[in-house]
Protein backbone atom coordinates (compact mmCIF):
# COMPACT_ATOMS: atom_id res chain seq x y z
CA MET A 1 -13.54 -1.94 15.02
CA PRO A 2 -12.35 -2.10 11.40
CA THR A 3 -8.92 -3.52 10.45
CA ARG A 4 -6.63 -0.54 9.51
CA VAL A 5 -4.44 -1.35 6.46
CA LEU A 6 -1.54 0.40 4.61
CA VAL A 7 -0.76 -0.94 1.09
CA ASP A 8 2.56 -0.51 -0.54
CA ALA A 9 2.73 1.30 -3.89
CA ASN A 10 4.00 -1.84 -5.66
CA ILE A 11 0.74 -3.51 -4.96
CA PHE A 12 -1.28 -0.74 -6.59
CA ILE A 13 1.08 -0.63 -9.61
CA SER A 14 0.82 -4.36 -10.00
CA TYR A 15 -2.98 -4.04 -9.80
CA LEU A 16 -2.80 -1.21 -12.60
CA LEU A 17 -0.96 -3.63 -14.73
CA SER A 18 -3.63 -6.28 -14.67
CA PRO A 19 -6.81 -5.03 -13.05
CA ASP A 20 -9.02 -7.54 -14.72
CA SER A 21 -6.98 -10.59 -13.77
CA SER A 22 -7.78 -12.79 -10.77
CA GLY A 23 -5.33 -13.31 -7.94
CA ALA A 24 -4.18 -12.07 -4.70
CA ILE A 25 -3.17 -8.56 -5.74
CA VAL A 26 -6.56 -7.78 -7.43
CA SER A 27 -8.46 -9.32 -4.56
CA THR A 28 -6.34 -7.29 -2.08
CA VAL A 29 -7.03 -3.97 -3.88
CA GLU A 30 -10.67 -4.84 -4.26
CA SER A 31 -11.00 -5.66 -0.65
CA LEU A 32 -10.17 -2.10 0.28
CA TRP A 33 -13.74 -1.08 -0.35
CA SER A 34 -14.94 -3.45 2.39
CA ALA A 35 -16.64 -1.83 5.40
CA ASP A 36 -14.44 -4.05 7.67
CA LEU A 37 -11.29 -2.31 6.52
CA GLU A 38 -9.85 1.18 6.96
CA LEU A 39 -7.47 2.18 4.25
CA VAL A 40 -4.42 4.35 5.12
CA PHE A 41 -3.48 6.36 2.01
CA SER A 42 -1.17 9.28 2.10
CA ASP A 43 -0.07 12.01 -0.45
CA VAL A 44 3.44 10.52 -0.40
CA LEU A 45 2.00 7.09 -1.44
CA ALA A 46 0.02 8.72 -4.26
CA SER A 47 3.11 10.53 -5.40
CA GLU A 48 5.10 7.34 -5.30
CA ILE A 49 2.65 5.59 -7.52
CA ARG A 50 2.53 8.40 -9.98
CA ALA A 51 6.19 8.92 -10.15
CA THR A 52 7.05 5.21 -10.46
CA VAL A 53 4.69 4.77 -13.45
CA ALA A 54 5.93 7.93 -15.11
CA ARG A 55 9.56 7.08 -14.53
CA LYS A 56 9.69 3.54 -15.79
CA PRO A 57 9.27 3.00 -19.63
CA TYR A 58 7.99 -0.51 -19.07
CA LEU A 59 5.09 0.86 -16.85
CA ARG A 60 4.45 3.91 -18.99
CA GLU A 61 3.76 1.65 -21.98
CA ARG A 62 1.41 -0.54 -20.08
CA ILE A 63 -0.44 1.83 -17.62
CA VAL A 64 -2.61 4.77 -18.76
CA LEU A 65 -2.03 7.76 -16.45
CA ASP A 66 -5.80 8.39 -16.36
CA ASP A 67 -6.08 5.00 -14.76
CA VAL A 68 -3.52 5.92 -12.25
CA ASP A 69 -5.42 9.15 -11.36
CA ALA A 70 -8.72 7.26 -11.39
CA LEU A 71 -7.32 4.67 -8.88
CA ILE A 72 -5.81 7.32 -6.59
CA ASP A 73 -8.95 9.35 -6.57
CA GLY A 74 -11.06 6.18 -5.63
CA LEU A 75 -8.49 5.25 -2.85
CA ARG A 76 -8.58 8.83 -1.45
CA ALA A 77 -12.42 8.67 -1.37
CA ILE A 78 -12.35 5.59 0.93
CA ALA A 79 -9.13 6.31 2.92
CA LEU A 80 -8.82 7.66 6.39
CA PRO A 81 -7.98 11.46 6.33
CA SER A 82 -4.11 11.80 6.20
CA ASN A 83 -2.54 13.78 8.95
CA THR A 84 0.99 14.42 7.90
CA SER A 85 1.42 17.55 10.15
CA GLU A 86 3.27 15.61 12.80
CA PRO A 87 6.73 14.51 11.73
CA ILE A 88 7.90 11.24 13.07
CA GLU A 89 11.45 10.22 12.79
CA ILE A 90 12.60 6.79 12.93
CA ALA A 91 16.05 5.02 12.77
CA PRO A 92 16.90 3.64 9.33
CA ILE A 93 15.20 0.29 9.07
CA LEU A 94 14.90 -0.64 5.39
CA ARG A 95 17.64 -1.17 2.91
CA ASP A 96 15.96 1.30 0.71
CA ARG A 97 15.56 4.27 2.86
CA LYS A 98 13.05 5.90 0.77
CA ASP A 99 10.51 3.22 1.71
CA ASP A 100 10.90 4.02 5.45
CA TYR A 101 7.87 6.43 4.97
CA LEU A 102 5.72 3.29 4.83
CA LEU A 103 6.69 2.37 8.44
CA VAL A 104 6.33 5.94 9.61
CA GLU A 105 2.79 6.20 8.21
CA ALA A 106 1.94 2.78 9.65
CA VAL A 107 3.06 3.94 13.21
CA ARG A 108 1.38 7.41 12.61
CA THR A 109 -1.97 5.79 11.82
CA ASP A 110 -1.65 2.69 14.02
CA ALA A 111 -2.12 0.41 10.98
CA ASP A 112 -2.81 -3.22 11.65
CA TYR A 113 -1.38 -4.48 8.48
CA LEU A 114 1.22 -3.32 5.87
CA VAL A 115 0.74 -5.20 2.70
CA SER A 116 3.72 -5.26 0.37
CA GLY A 117 5.46 -7.22 -2.40
CA ASP A 118 8.73 -5.51 -1.72
CA ARG A 119 11.29 -8.05 -0.57
CA ASP A 120 13.05 -5.31 1.62
CA VAL A 121 9.79 -4.72 3.34
CA LEU A 122 8.82 -8.31 3.74
CA ASP A 123 12.31 -9.17 5.03
CA ILE A 124 11.94 -7.07 8.19
CA ARG A 125 8.43 -8.51 9.24
CA ASP A 126 9.94 -10.61 12.00
CA ASP A 127 11.61 -7.68 13.48
CA ILE A 128 8.43 -5.53 13.80
CA ALA A 129 5.47 -6.48 16.04
CA ARG A 130 3.08 -3.88 14.59
CA PRO A 131 2.00 -3.46 11.93
CA ARG A 132 1.92 -7.09 10.73
CA ILE A 133 3.79 -7.05 7.45
CA VAL A 134 2.31 -9.40 4.86
CA ASN A 135 2.16 -10.12 1.19
CA PRO A 136 -1.32 -9.97 -0.60
CA ALA A 137 -2.04 -13.66 -0.14
CA GLU A 138 -1.16 -13.60 3.52
CA PHE A 139 -3.33 -10.48 3.88
CA LEU A 140 -6.33 -12.20 2.25
CA THR A 141 -5.91 -15.18 4.54
CA ALA A 142 -5.69 -12.83 7.62
CA ILE A 143 -8.86 -11.19 6.69
CA SER A 144 -10.53 -14.39 5.72
CA LEU A 145 -10.92 -13.91 1.97
CA PRO A 146 -9.86 -16.63 -0.59
């Protein structure tokens, strides 16, 4: 059975900043096209990526919006169908409540991994058994990629 993975918006934005570089972030995003992985990708996540790039001048100057749309389209093409019809409420977990949707989506889709570079998300990893919360380098090690 494929490994189910949810990737935080910050990883995709970092990828868009340097898609031709080498490193854990690029390798993580490129690994999503593997047959051994099932990507969880929701409309909320797509909206967060677009809104963050549009809102922050630093990102707007460095990321072409067409590249954002192309990445989102590519991710949607390989992702599991998103079922957002069933609301799930969780107690506040993260310091930044707007990121709680990641945990809701991980529970809803029974994700094996949540990959993030966000310190708030990574700080709760010892408090949650599933999904396993990891940074990109840890994810690559877990799925046995260099």
